[in-house]
Amino acid sequence: MAEPSVGRLRESERAELERLRAEAREKDKRIRELEVEHDVCKRLAALWVK
């Protein structure tokens, strides 16, 4: 079994890497959205307590 050259990706590996990167971007976006929602909830709770 021949190994690919160091630093070279097969087409299937490149596609998988692109898919994983896109998935990571989507998860990062969702995390930011949840952080904003969390901040809004904290502010609303603080106003409600006053």
C-alpha atoms as a PDB file:
ATOM      1  CA  MET A   1       0.000   0.000   0.000  1.00  0.00           C
ATOM      2  CA  ALA A   2       1.628   3.240  -1.118  1.00  0.00           C
ATOM      3  CA  GLU A   3       1.330   6.198   1.196  1.00  0.00           C
ATOM      4  CA  PRO A   4       0.447   9.615  -0.244  1.00  0.00           C
ATOM      5  CA  SER A   5       3.164  12.241  -0.293  1.00  0.00           C
ATOM      6  CA  VAL A   6       3.568  14.177   2.926  1.00  0.00           C
ATOM      7  CA  GLY A   7       1.400  17.299   2.823  1.00  0.00           C
ATOM      8  CA  ARG A   8      -0.802  16.025  -0.010  1.00  0.00           C
ATOM      9  CA  LEU A   9      -4.428  15.084   0.567  1.00  0.00           C
ATOM     10  CA  ARG A  10      -6.481  12.728  -1.496  1.00  0.00           C
ATOM     11  CA  GLU A  11      -9.674  14.146  -2.983  1.00  0.00           C
ATOM     12  CA  SER A  12     -11.806  12.266  -0.429  1.00  0.00           C
ATOM     13  CA  GLU A  13      -9.678  13.627   2.426  1.00  0.00           C
ATOM     14  CA  ARG A  14      -9.918  17.165   1.046  1.00  0.00           C
ATOM     15  CA  ALA A  15     -13.709  16.867   0.790  1.00  0.00           C
ATOM     16  CA  GLU A  16     -13.924  15.549   4.357  1.00  0.00           C
ATOM     17  CA  LEU A  17     -11.721  18.397   5.608  1.00  0.00           C
ATOM     18  CA  GLU A  18     -13.929  20.972   3.855  1.00  0.00           C
ATOM     19  CA  ARG A  19     -17.053  19.336   5.331  1.00  0.00           C
ATOM     20  CA  LEU A  20     -15.581  19.381   8.831  1.00  0.00           C
ATOM     21  CA  ARG A  21     -14.497  23.005   8.503  1.00  0.00           C
ATOM     22  CA  ALA A  22     -17.987  24.016   7.347  1.00  0.00           C
ATOM     23  CA  GLU A  23     -19.502  22.099  10.262  1.00  0.00           C
ATOM     24  CA  ALA A  24     -17.139  23.852  12.683  1.00  0.00           C
ATOM     25  CA  ARG A  25     -18.125  27.261  11.250  1.00  0.00           C
ATOM     26  CA  GLU A  26     -21.820  26.437  11.723  1.00  0.00           C
ATOM     27  CA  LYS A  27     -21.214  25.323  15.316  1.00  0.00           C
ATOM     28  CA  ASP A  28     -19.187  28.463  16.052  1.00  0.00           C
ATOM     29  CA  LYS A  29     -22.040  30.569  14.642  1.00  0.00           C
ATOM     30  CA  ARG A  30     -24.578  28.733  16.833  1.00  0.00           C
ATOM     31  CA  ILE A  31     -22.369  29.207  19.896  1.00  0.00           C
ATOM     32  CA  ARG A  32     -22.232  32.966  19.250  1.00  0.00           C
ATOM     33  CA  GLU A  33     -26.025  33.055  18.863  1.00  0.00           C
ATOM     34  CA  LEU A  34     -26.498  31.207  22.152  1.00  0.00           C
ATOM     35  CA  GLU A  35     -24.058  33.541  23.904  1.00  0.00           C
ATOM     36  CA  VAL A  36     -26.114  36.533  22.724  1.00  0.00           C
ATOM     37  CA  GLU A  37     -29.344  34.876  23.871  1.00  0.00           C
ATOM     38  CA  HIS A  38     -27.754  34.111  27.238  1.00  0.00           C
ATOM     39  CA  ASP A  39     -26.652  37.730  27.624  1.00  0.00           C
ATOM     40  CA  VAL A  40     -30.150  38.990  26.764  1.00  0.00           C
ATOM     41  CA  CYS A  41     -31.714  36.617  29.308  1.00  0.00           C
ATOM     42  CA  LYS A  42     -29.301  37.772  32.001  1.00  0.00           C
ATOM     43  CA  ARG A  43     -30.132  41.408  31.289  1.00  0.00           C
ATOM     44  CA  LEU A  44     -33.882  40.727  31.312  1.00  0.00           C
ATOM     45  CA  ALA A  45     -33.593  38.871  34.622  1.00  0.00           C
ATOM     46  CA  ALA A  46     -31.607  41.752  36.114  1.00  0.00           C
ATOM     47  CA  LEU A  47     -34.282  44.242  34.987  1.00  0.00           C
ATOM     48  CA  TRP A  48     -37.074  42.020  36.282  1.00  0.00           C
ATOM     49  CA  VAL A  49     -35.451  41.753  39.735  1.00  0.00           C
ATOM     50  CA  LYS A  50     -35.175  45.555  40.086  1.00  0.00           C
END
